Amino acid sequence: MVEETLDPADWETLRVLARRVVDDAINYTRDVRDRPLWQDMPPEVRTRFRSPAPQKGRPLAEVYDDLVTNLLPYPMGNIHPRFWMWYMGSSNFTGALGDFLAAIIGSNLGGGDHAAAEIDKQVVNWLKEMMGYPATSSGTLVSGGSMANLIGLTVARNQMSGIDLRELGLGALNAPLRFYGSDQIHSCHQIAVEAMGMGNRALCRVPSDAACRMDLAALHRVVANDRAAGLHPACVIATAGTVNTGAIDDLAAIADFCADEGLWLHVDGLHQQQGAIHVRFQRGSDR
């Protein structure tokens, strides 16, 4: 009987290749300033990524050689110090080592009594402490800003619906919910309201002022008009650093408005060109 395993046939050969990968990665990161920020792929390289699925396995070293030749020279460029195109992070070698160890352990953080789950909760607690949140507040680590917005807006939808939305569904709503954000908000909010089943029309784009911040007078008007029309204003999405200009809405004034109107407040930030730090909090009428 042949034992089936995912272990390598030769651990020492793997060790040599792993050391080569780490050395190459250090050099790649160290020497980033000496390379072009971006360069187009030659047609023959692009064609390799469109070939049919292989029918046979290949030695790991050959696969790695392919990546060195056909992947590393053609990055998006966001790790380069002169990458000024978007706000995404630039990665770092320490984080890469953390990702490597996380992949080695392969922990499922959905539950269980193990150290990785404790680290997950510890990081959330540290963030709460840094932002002055109560120890009793909750949070979760997600894959990025778009998913953080989706989760936060889902909580707002469920809490402001007035019904057990998880049990009854959108069809049981007494009136359509409305969410409000400036015309400068990130496109992930439209994706979120669509994914939540409310449709793009549920997201009202409030005009921005000359400073690209949400026009508060316009916000007052659209909420009042929606109430008069029998709709259900539910949540205001304030932005702490828009993608286009880095503008920050008047968060304090919007929070006061939400408290007065009994609306949920969702703050999306910071979408800055030089980094991507996402902070999420929601407050109801108990501001």
C-alpha atoms as a PDB file:
ATOM      1  CA  MET A   1       0.000   0.000   0.000  1.00  0.00           C
ATOM      2  CA  VAL A   2       1.434   3.347  -1.071  1.00  0.00           C
ATOM      3  CA  GLU A   3       1.086   6.128   1.486  1.00  0.00           C
ATOM      4  CA  GLU A   4      -0.322   9.329   0.042  1.00  0.00           C
ATOM      5  CA  THR A   5       1.028  12.571   1.459  1.00  0.00           C
ATOM      6  CA  LEU A   6       1.515  16.209   0.578  1.00  0.00           C
ATOM      7  CA  ASP A   7       4.960  16.161   2.155  1.00  0.00           C
ATOM      8  CA  PRO A   8       7.862  16.862  -0.229  1.00  0.00           C
ATOM      9  CA  ALA A   9       9.853  13.909  -1.477  1.00  0.00           C
ATOM     10  CA  ASP A  10      13.070  15.509  -0.220  1.00  0.00           C
ATOM     11  CA  TRP A  11      12.950  17.971   2.681  1.00  0.00           C
ATOM     12  CA  GLU A  12      16.551  19.117   2.171  1.00  0.00           C
ATOM     13  CA  THR A  13      15.946  19.978  -1.478  1.00  0.00           C
ATOM     14  CA  LEU A  14      12.938  22.005  -0.353  1.00  0.00           C
ATOM     15  CA  ARG A  15      15.070  23.742   2.288  1.00  0.00           C
ATOM     16  CA  VAL A  16      17.565  24.854  -0.387  1.00  0.00           C
ATOM     17  CA  LEU A  17      14.788  26.215  -2.599  1.00  0.00           C
ATOM     18  CA  ALA A  18      13.107  27.962   0.338  1.00  0.00           C
ATOM     19  CA  ARG A  19      16.337  29.728   1.218  1.00  0.00           C
ATOM     20  CA  ARG A  20      16.695  30.799  -2.392  1.00  0.00           C
ATOM     21  CA  VAL A  21      13.142  32.188  -2.394  1.00  0.00           C
ATOM     22  CA  VAL A  22      13.821  34.184   0.787  1.00  0.00           C
ATOM     23  CA  ASP A  23      17.121  35.526  -0.569  1.00  0.00           C
ATOM     24  CA  ASP A  24      15.457  36.533  -3.831  1.00  0.00           C
ATOM     25  CA  ALA A  25      12.615  38.196  -1.935  1.00  0.00           C
ATOM     26  CA  ILE A  26      15.027  40.249   0.188  1.00  0.00           C
ATOM     27  CA  ASN A  27      16.928  41.360  -2.904  1.00  0.00           C
ATOM     28  CA  TYR A  28      13.698  42.144  -4.732  1.00  0.00           C
ATOM     29  CA  THR A  29      12.499  44.339  -1.879  1.00  0.00           C
ATOM     30  CA  ARG A  30      15.871  45.945  -1.191  1.00  0.00           C
ATOM     31  CA  ASP A  31      16.529  46.859  -4.824  1.00  0.00           C
ATOM     32  CA  VAL A  32      13.041  48.082  -5.739  1.00  0.00           C
ATOM     33  CA  ARG A  33      14.312  51.636  -6.331  1.00  0.00           C
ATOM     34  CA  ASP A  34      16.682  50.397  -9.030  1.00  0.00           C
ATOM     35  CA  ARG A  35      13.862  48.957 -11.154  1.00  0.00           C
ATOM     36  CA  PRO A  36      11.173  50.620 -13.253  1.00  0.00           C
ATOM     37  CA  LEU A  37       7.965  51.284 -11.365  1.00  0.00           C
ATOM     38  CA  TRP A  38       6.025  49.407 -14.053  1.00  0.00           C
ATOM     39  CA  GLN A  39       6.700  47.849 -17.423  1.00  0.00           C
ATOM     40  CA  ASP A  40       4.488  46.187 -19.982  1.00  0.00           C
ATOM     41  CA  MET A  41       4.673  42.454 -20.441  1.00  0.00           C
ATOM     42  CA  PRO A  42       6.015  41.242 -23.784  1.00  0.00           C
ATOM     43  CA  PRO A  43       3.402  39.316 -25.809  1.00  0.00           C
ATOM     44  CA  GLU A  44       5.168  36.010 -25.255  1.00  0.00           C
ATOM     45  CA  VAL A  45       5.014  36.469 -21.479  1.00  0.00           C
ATOM     46  CA  ARG A  46       1.334  37.402 -21.525  1.00  0.00           C
ATOM     47  CA  THR A  47       0.607  34.350 -23.681  1.00  0.00           C
ATOM     48  CA  ARG A  48       2.054  32.068 -20.992  1.00  0.00           C
ATOM     49  CA  PHE A  49      -0.669  33.187 -18.586  1.00  0.00           C
ATOM     50  CA  ARG A  50      -3.343  32.197 -21.080  1.00  0.00           C
ATOM     51  CA  SER A  51      -2.206  28.644 -21.732  1.00  0.00           C
ATOM     52  CA  PRO A  52      -4.415  25.642 -20.911  1.00  0.00           C
ATOM     53  CA  ALA A  53      -4.213  23.944 -17.536  1.00  0.00           C
ATOM     54  CA  PRO A  54      -1.182  21.624 -17.297  1.00  0.00           C
ATOM     55  CA  GLN A  55      -1.844  17.913 -17.450  1.00  0.00           C
ATOM     56  CA  LYS A  56       1.234  16.857 -15.488  1.00  0.00           C
ATOM     57  CA  GLY A  57       2.992  18.106 -12.405  1.00  0.00           C
ATOM     58  CA  ARG A  58       6.333  19.901 -12.519  1.00  0.00           C
ATOM     59  CA  PRO A  59       9.201  20.166 -10.037  1.00  0.00           C
ATOM     60  CA  LEU A  60       8.710  23.050  -7.633  1.00  0.00           C
ATOM     61  CA  ALA A  61      12.011  24.639  -8.648  1.00  0.00           C
ATOM     62  CA  GLU A  62      10.819  24.863 -12.269  1.00  0.00           C
ATOM     63  CA  VAL A  63       7.590  26.509 -11.213  1.00  0.00           C
ATOM     64  CA  TYR A  64       9.540  29.020  -9.156  1.00  0.00           C
ATOM     65  CA  ASP A  65      11.865  29.769 -12.082  1.00  0.00           C
ATOM     66  CA  ASP A  66       8.762  30.575 -14.142  1.00  0.00           C
ATOM     67  CA  LEU A  67       7.593  33.044 -11.518  1.00  0.00           C
ATOM     68  CA  VAL A  68      10.984  34.737 -11.358  1.00  0.00           C
ATOM     69  CA  THR A  69      11.010  35.141 -15.132  1.00  0.00           C
ATOM     70  CA  ASN A  70       7.387  35.917 -15.867  1.00  0.00           C
ATOM     71  CA  LEU A  71       5.928  37.446 -12.694  1.00  0.00           C
ATOM     72  CA  LEU A  72       8.462  39.405 -10.662  1.00  0.00           C
ATOM     73  CA  PRO A  73       9.545  41.783 -13.471  1.00  0.00           C
ATOM     74  CA  TYR A  74       5.955  42.899 -14.154  1.00  0.00           C
ATOM     75  CA  PRO A  75       4.331  44.072 -10.901  1.00  0.00           C
ATOM     76  CA  MET A  76       1.555  46.610 -10.459  1.00  0.00           C
ATOM     77  CA  GLY A  77       4.235  48.810  -8.942  1.00  0.00           C
ATOM     78  CA  ASN A  78       2.669  49.625  -5.588  1.00  0.00           C
ATOM     79  CA  ILE A  79       5.774  48.633  -3.616  1.00  0.00           C
ATOM     80  CA  HIS A  80       7.815  51.235  -5.518  1.00  0.00           C
ATOM     81  CA  PRO A  81       8.398  54.557  -3.702  1.00  0.00           C
ATOM     82  CA  ARG A  82       7.243  56.452  -6.798  1.00  0.00           C
ATOM     83  CA  PHE A  83       3.912  54.651  -7.072  1.00  0.00           C
ATOM     84  CA  TRP A  84       1.425  57.508  -6.811  1.00  0.00           C
ATOM     85  CA  MET A  85      -1.468  55.974  -8.725  1.00  0.00           C
ATOM     86  CA  TRP A  86      -3.740  54.646  -5.970  1.00  0.00           C
ATOM     87  CA  TYR A  87      -3.932  54.580  -2.192  1.00  0.00           C
ATOM     88  CA  MET A  88      -3.162  50.886  -1.680  1.00  0.00           C
ATOM     89  CA  GLY A  89      -0.453  49.825   0.729  1.00  0.00           C
ATOM     90  CA  SER A  90       3.067  49.018  -0.352  1.00  0.00           C
ATOM     91  CA  SER A  91       3.605  45.786   1.596  1.00  0.00           C
ATOM     92  CA  ASN A  92       6.738  45.123   3.625  1.00  0.00           C
ATOM     93  CA  PHE A  93       9.055  42.227   4.267  1.00  0.00           C
ATOM     94  CA  THR A  94       8.100  41.808   7.924  1.00  0.00           C
ATOM     95  CA  GLY A  95       4.449  41.448   6.927  1.00  0.00           C
ATOM     96  CA  ALA A  96       5.432  38.909   4.281  1.00  0.00           C
ATOM     97  CA  LEU A  97       7.131  36.774   6.919  1.00  0.00           C
ATOM     98  CA  GLY A  98       3.977  36.983   9.014  1.00  0.00           C
ATOM     99  CA  ASP A  99       1.878  35.839   6.060  1.00  0.00           C
ATOM    100  CA  PHE A 100       4.288  32.966   5.514  1.00  0.00           C
ATOM    101  CA  LEU A 101       4.000  31.759   9.097  1.00  0.00           C
ATOM    102  CA  ALA A 102       0.205  32.168   9.036  1.00  0.00           C
ATOM    103  CA  ALA A 103       0.083  29.990   5.920  1.00  0.00           C
ATOM    104  CA  ILE A 104       2.340  27.398   7.549  1.00  0.00           C
ATOM    105  CA  ILE A 105       0.055  27.130  10.581  1.00  0.00           C
ATOM    106  CA  GLY A 106      -3.082  27.300   8.413  1.00  0.00           C
ATOM    107  CA  SER A 107      -5.379  28.150  11.334  1.00  0.00           C
ATOM    108  CA  ASN A 108      -9.131  28.526  10.919  1.00  0.00           C
ATOM    109  CA  LEU A 109     -10.196  31.529  12.990  1.00  0.00           C
ATOM    110  CA  GLY A 110     -13.884  30.688  12.852  1.00  0.00           C
ATOM    111  CA  GLY A 111     -13.569  29.132  16.284  1.00  0.00           C
ATOM    112  CA  GLY A 112     -11.566  26.731  18.370  1.00  0.00           C
ATOM    113  CA  ASP A 113      -9.333  26.958  21.420  1.00  0.00           C
ATOM    114  CA  HIS A 114      -5.958  27.802  19.926  1.00  0.00           C
ATOM    115  CA  ALA A 115      -3.348  30.567  19.963  1.00  0.00           C
ATOM    116  CA  ALA A 116      -4.100  32.066  16.524  1.00  0.00           C
ATOM    117  CA  ALA A 117      -7.680  32.806  17.591  1.00  0.00           C
ATOM    118  CA  GLU A 118      -6.325  34.536  20.703  1.00  0.00           C
ATOM    119  CA  ILE A 119      -4.023  36.672  18.540  1.00  0.00           C
ATOM    120  CA  ASP A 120      -6.989  37.660  16.378  1.00  0.00           C
ATOM    121  CA  LYS A 121      -8.931  38.813  19.446  1.00  0.00           C
ATOM    122  CA  GLN A 122      -5.847  40.498  20.892  1.00  0.00           C
ATOM    123  CA  VAL A 123      -5.336  42.641  17.782  1.00  0.00           C
ATOM    124  CA  VAL A 124      -9.002  43.701  17.842  1.00  0.00           C
ATOM    125  CA  ASN A 125      -8.633  44.626  21.521  1.00  0.00           C
ATOM    126  CA  TRP A 126      -5.490  46.640  20.790  1.00  0.00           C
ATOM    127  CA  LEU A 127      -7.311  48.557  18.065  1.00  0.00           C
ATOM    128  CA  LYS A 128     -10.213  49.297  20.392  1.00  0.00           C
ATOM    129  CA  GLU A 129      -7.734  50.591  22.971  1.00  0.00           C
ATOM    130  CA  MET A 130      -5.965  52.779  20.389  1.00  0.00           C
ATOM    131  CA  MET A 131      -9.262  54.327  19.242  1.00  0.00           C
ATOM    132  CA  GLY A 132     -10.744  54.794  22.717  1.00  0.00           C
ATOM    133  CA  TYR A 133     -13.487  52.213  22.273  1.00  0.00           C
ATOM    134  CA  PRO A 134     -15.149  50.578  25.298  1.00  0.00           C
ATOM    135  CA  ALA A 135     -13.728  47.222  26.296  1.00  0.00           C
ATOM    136  CA  THR A 136     -17.202  45.753  25.788  1.00  0.00           C
ATOM    137  CA  SER A 137     -17.324  46.772  22.106  1.00  0.00           C
ATOM    138  CA  SER A 138     -16.719  44.165  19.435  1.00  0.00           C
ATOM    139  CA  GLY A 139     -14.901  43.989  16.141  1.00  0.00           C
ATOM    140  CA  THR A 140     -13.429  41.662  13.583  1.00  0.00           C
ATOM    141  CA  LEU A 141     -10.493  41.567  11.197  1.00  0.00           C
ATOM    142  CA  VAL A 142     -11.469  41.301   7.540  1.00  0.00           C
ATOM    143  CA  SER A 143      -9.751  41.110   4.167  1.00  0.00           C
ATOM    144  CA  GLY A 144      -9.902  44.831   3.378  1.00  0.00           C
ATOM    145  CA  GLY A 145     -11.842  48.074   3.327  1.00  0.00           C
ATOM    146  CA  SER A 146     -14.559  46.950   0.930  1.00  0.00           C
ATOM    147  CA  MET A 147     -15.423  43.951   3.094  1.00  0.00           C
ATOM    148  CA  ALA A 148     -15.295  46.108   6.228  1.00  0.00           C
ATOM    149  CA  ASN A 149     -17.828  48.470   4.669  1.00  0.00           C
ATOM    150  CA  LEU A 150     -20.068  45.603   3.612  1.00  0.00           C
ATOM    151  CA  ILE A 151     -20.118  44.165   7.133  1.00  0.00           C
ATOM    152  CA  GLY A 152     -20.636  47.551   8.774  1.00  0.00           C
ATOM    153  CA  LEU A 153     -23.465  48.519   6.459  1.00  0.00           C
ATOM    154  CA  THR A 154     -25.079  45.111   6.900  1.00  0.00           C
ATOM    155  CA  VAL A 155     -25.133  45.683  10.651  1.00  0.00           C
ATOM    156  CA  ALA A 156     -26.674  49.115  10.073  1.00  0.00           C
ATOM    157  CA  ARG A 157     -29.306  47.628   7.760  1.00  0.00           C
ATOM    158  CA  ASN A 158     -30.244  44.897  10.221  1.00  0.00           C
ATOM    159  CA  GLN A 159     -30.367  47.214  13.225  1.00  0.00           C
ATOM    160  CA  MET A 160     -32.345  49.983  11.498  1.00  0.00           C
ATOM    161  CA  SER A 161     -34.841  47.724   9.737  1.00  0.00           C
ATOM    162  CA  GLY A 162     -37.209  47.581  12.696  1.00  0.00           C
ATOM    163  CA  ILE A 163     -37.771  43.861  12.158  1.00  0.00           C
ATOM    164  CA  ASP A 164     -35.862  40.604  12.550  1.00  0.00           C
ATOM    165  CA  LEU A 165     -34.349  41.014   9.108  1.00  0.00           C
ATOM    166  CA  ARG A 166     -32.208  37.901   9.325  1.00  0.00           C
ATOM    167  CA  GLU A 167     -35.312  35.812   9.916  1.00  0.00           C
ATOM    168  CA  LEU A 168     -37.904  37.602   7.753  1.00  0.00           C
ATOM    169  CA  GLY A 169     -35.866  39.071   4.889  1.00  0.00           C
ATOM    170  CA  LEU A 170     -36.175  42.333   2.962  1.00  0.00           C
ATOM    171  CA  GLY A 171     -39.694  41.509   1.801  1.00  0.00           C
ATOM    172  CA  ALA A 172     -40.996  42.118   5.336  1.00  0.00           C
ATOM    173  CA  LEU A 173     -39.759  45.731   5.525  1.00  0.00           C
ATOM    174  CA  ASN A 174     -42.457  48.294   6.198  1.00  0.00           C
ATOM    175  CA  ALA A 175     -40.715  50.823   3.920  1.00  0.00           C
ATOM    176  CA  PRO A 176     -37.572  50.810   1.755  1.00  0.00           C
ATOM    177  CA  LEU A 177     -34.412  51.721   3.646  1.00  0.00           C
ATOM    178  CA  ARG A 178     -32.251  54.629   2.506  1.00  0.00           C
ATOM    179  CA  PHE A 179     -28.523  55.112   3.039  1.00  0.00           C
ATOM    180  CA  TYR A 180     -26.772  58.465   2.453  1.00  0.00           C
ATOM    181  CA  GLY A 181     -23.233  59.342   1.439  1.00  0.00           C
ATOM    182  CA  SER A 182     -21.578  62.173  -0.433  1.00  0.00           C
ATOM    183  CA  ASP A 183     -21.011  61.992  -4.165  1.00  0.00           C
ATOM    184  CA  GLN A 184     -17.337  61.399  -3.275  1.00  0.00           C
ATOM    185  CA  ILE A 185     -17.804  58.080  -1.460  1.00  0.00           C
ATOM    186  CA  HIS A 186     -15.956  54.988  -2.573  1.00  0.00           C
ATOM    187  CA  SER A 187     -17.636  52.708  -5.093  1.00  0.00           C
ATOM    188  CA  CYS A 188     -17.577  49.800  -2.620  1.00  0.00           C
ATOM    189  CA  HIS A 189     -20.652  51.307  -0.942  1.00  0.00           C
ATOM    190  CA  GLN A 190     -22.718  50.830  -4.082  1.00  0.00           C
ATOM    191  CA  ILE A 191     -21.453  47.265  -4.270  1.00  0.00           C
ATOM    192  CA  ALA A 192     -22.412  46.791  -0.612  1.00  0.00           C
ATOM    193  CA  VAL A 193     -26.022  47.989  -0.922  1.00  0.00           C
ATOM    194  CA  GLU A 194     -26.449  45.864  -4.040  1.00  0.00           C
ATOM    195  CA  ALA A 195     -24.983  42.814  -2.292  1.00  0.00           C
ATOM    196  CA  MET A 196     -27.335  43.426   0.648  1.00  0.00           C
ATOM    197  CA  GLY A 197     -30.271  43.166  -1.728  1.00  0.00           C
ATOM    198  CA  MET A 198     -31.401  46.792  -1.370  1.00  0.00           C
ATOM    199  CA  GLY A 199     -30.384  47.947  -4.837  1.00  0.00           C
ATOM    200  CA  ASN A 200     -28.377  50.928  -5.984  1.00  0.00           C
ATOM    201  CA  ARG A 201     -31.351  53.274  -5.492  1.00  0.00           C
ATOM    202  CA  ALA A 202     -31.131  52.699  -1.751  1.00  0.00           C
ATOM    203  CA  LEU A 203     -27.888  54.696  -1.721  1.00  0.00           C
ATOM    204  CA  CYS A 204     -28.549  58.431  -2.025  1.00  0.00           C
ATOM    205  CA  ARG A 205     -25.548  60.448  -3.214  1.00  0.00           C
ATOM    206  CA  VAL A 206     -25.596  63.738  -1.329  1.00  0.00           C
ATOM    207  CA  PRO A 207     -23.926  66.632  -3.200  1.00  0.00           C
ATOM    208  CA  SER A 208     -20.514  67.736  -1.944  1.00  0.00           C
ATOM    209  CA  ASP A 209     -19.384  71.313  -1.372  1.00  0.00           C
ATOM    210  CA  ALA A 210     -16.446  73.202  -2.875  1.00  0.00           C
ATOM    211  CA  ALA A 211     -14.093  71.379  -0.487  1.00  0.00           C
ATOM    212  CA  CYS A 212     -15.435  67.987  -1.675  1.00  0.00           C
ATOM    213  CA  ARG A 213     -17.093  67.365   1.691  1.00  0.00           C
ATOM    214  CA  MET A 214     -20.685  66.290   2.185  1.00  0.00           C
ATOM    215  CA  ASP A 215     -23.041  69.278   1.965  1.00  0.00           C
ATOM    216  CA  LEU A 216     -24.856  69.170   5.308  1.00  0.00           C
ATOM    217  CA  ALA A 217     -27.745  71.367   4.168  1.00  0.00           C
ATOM    218  CA  ALA A 218     -28.298  69.000   1.253  1.00  0.00           C
ATOM    219  CA  LEU A 219     -28.182  66.031   3.647  1.00  0.00           C
ATOM    220  CA  HIS A 220     -30.911  67.628   5.782  1.00  0.00           C
ATOM    221  CA  ARG A 221     -33.071  68.168   2.698  1.00  0.00           C
ATOM    222  CA  VAL A 222     -32.785  64.683   1.204  1.00  0.00           C
ATOM    223  CA  VAL A 223     -33.488  62.962   4.523  1.00  0.00           C
ATOM    224  CA  ALA A 224     -36.546  65.160   5.117  1.00  0.00           C
ATOM    225  CA  ASN A 225     -37.781  64.555   1.569  1.00  0.00           C
ATOM    226  CA  ASP A 226     -37.373  60.793   1.913  1.00  0.00           C
ATOM    227  CA  ARG A 227     -39.295  60.753   5.188  1.00  0.00           C
ATOM    228  CA  ALA A 228     -42.088  62.747   3.567  1.00  0.00           C
ATOM    229  CA  ALA A 229     -42.153  60.257   0.687  1.00  0.00           C
ATOM    230  CA  GLY A 230     -42.705  57.337   3.076  1.00  0.00           C
ATOM    231  CA  LEU A 231     -39.172  55.963   2.840  1.00  0.00           C
ATOM    232  CA  HIS A 232     -37.088  54.886   5.851  1.00  0.00           C
ATOM    233  CA  PRO A 233     -33.827  56.846   6.311  1.00  0.00           C
ATOM    234  CA  ALA A 234     -31.462  54.455   8.041  1.00  0.00           C
ATOM    235  CA  CYS A 235     -27.760  55.310   7.805  1.00  0.00           C
ATOM    236  CA  VAL A 236     -25.383  58.128   6.903  1.00  0.00           C
ATOM    237  CA  ILE A 237     -22.013  57.121   5.478  1.00  0.00           C
ATOM    238  CA  ALA A 238     -19.452  59.773   6.414  1.00  0.00           C
ATOM    239  CA  THR A 239     -15.996  59.686   4.842  1.00  0.00           C
ATOM    240  CA  ALA A 240     -12.719  60.396   6.666  1.00  0.00           C
ATOM    241  CA  GLY A 241     -10.459  60.801   3.655  1.00  0.00           C
ATOM    242  CA  THR A 242     -11.916  60.318   0.184  1.00  0.00           C
ATOM    243  CA  VAL A 243     -10.045  58.482  -2.545  1.00  0.00           C
ATOM    244  CA  ASN A 244     -10.181  61.372  -4.996  1.00  0.00           C
ATOM    245  CA  THR A 245      -8.970  64.247  -2.810  1.00  0.00           C
ATOM    246  CA  GLY A 246      -8.513  63.051   0.769  1.00  0.00           C
ATOM    247  CA  ALA A 247     -11.429  65.271   1.866  1.00  0.00           C
ATOM    248  CA  ILE A 248     -12.846  64.601   5.341  1.00  0.00           C
ATOM    249  CA  ASP A 249     -16.533  65.149   5.956  1.00  0.00           C
ATOM    250  CA  ASP A 250     -17.614  67.174   9.002  1.00  0.00           C
ATOM    251  CA  LEU A 251     -17.821  64.090  11.190  1.00  0.00           C
ATOM    252  CA  ALA A 252     -18.921  65.849  14.372  1.00  0.00           C
ATOM    253  CA  ALA A 253     -21.765  67.698  12.636  1.00  0.00           C
ATOM    254  CA  ILE A 254     -22.904  64.547  10.858  1.00  0.00           C
ATOM    255  CA  ALA A 255     -22.819  62.628  14.159  1.00  0.00           C
ATOM    256  CA  ASP A 256     -24.995  65.313  15.762  1.00  0.00           C
ATOM    257  CA  PHE A 257     -27.416  65.116  12.834  1.00  0.00           C
ATOM    258  CA  CYS A 258     -27.621  61.322  13.118  1.00  0.00           C
ATOM    259  CA  ALA A 259     -28.246  61.582  16.868  1.00  0.00           C
ATOM    260  CA  ASP A 260     -31.033  64.116  16.323  1.00  0.00           C
ATOM    261  CA  GLU A 261     -32.620  62.103  13.509  1.00  0.00           C
ATOM    262  CA  GLY A 262     -32.160  58.657  15.054  1.00  0.00           C
ATOM    263  CA  LEU A 263     -29.941  57.505  12.188  1.00  0.00           C
ATOM    264  CA  TRP A 264     -27.059  55.064  12.163  1.00  0.00           C
ATOM    265  CA  LEU A 265     -23.619  56.560  11.477  1.00  0.00           C
ATOM    266  CA  HIS A 266     -21.037  54.657   9.481  1.00  0.00           C
ATOM    267  CA  VAL A 267     -17.605  56.260   9.087  1.00  0.00           C
ATOM    268  CA  ASP A 268     -15.455  55.123   6.175  1.00  0.00           C
ATOM    269  CA  GLY A 269     -11.824  56.135   6.476  1.00  0.00           C
ATOM    270  CA  LEU A 270      -9.106  56.712   5.818  1.00  0.00           C
ATOM    271  CA  HIS A 271      -8.908  56.318   2.034  1.00  0.00           C
ATOM    272  CA  GLN A 272      -5.736  58.374   1.645  1.00  0.00           C
ATOM    273  CA  GLN A 273      -3.543  58.331  -1.444  1.00  0.00           C
ATOM    274  CA  GLN A 274      -0.461  57.487   0.601  1.00  0.00           C
ATOM    275  CA  GLY A 275      -1.943  54.615   2.563  1.00  0.00           C
ATOM    276  CA  ALA A 276      -5.048  52.578   3.245  1.00  0.00           C
ATOM    277  CA  ILE A 277      -6.138  52.601   6.861  1.00  0.00           C
ATOM    278  CA  HIS A 278      -9.737  51.612   7.392  1.00  0.00           C
ATOM    279  CA  VAL A 279     -11.551  52.569  10.580  1.00  0.00           C
ATOM    280  CA  ARG A 280     -15.135  51.511  11.036  1.00  0.00           C
ATOM    281  CA  PHE A 281     -17.590  52.507  13.721  1.00  0.00           C
ATOM    282  CA  GLN A 282     -21.320  52.791  13.939  1.00  0.00           C
ATOM    283  CA  ARG A 283     -23.339  54.819  16.428  1.00  0.00           C
ATOM    284  CA  GLY A 284     -27.072  55.033  16.715  1.00  0.00           C
ATOM    285  CA  SER A 285     -29.110  57.738  18.430  1.00  0.00           C
ATOM    286  CA  ASP A 286     -27.109  57.330  21.656  1.00  0.00           C
ATOM    287  CA  ARG A 287     -24.219  59.455  20.415  1.00  0.00           C
END
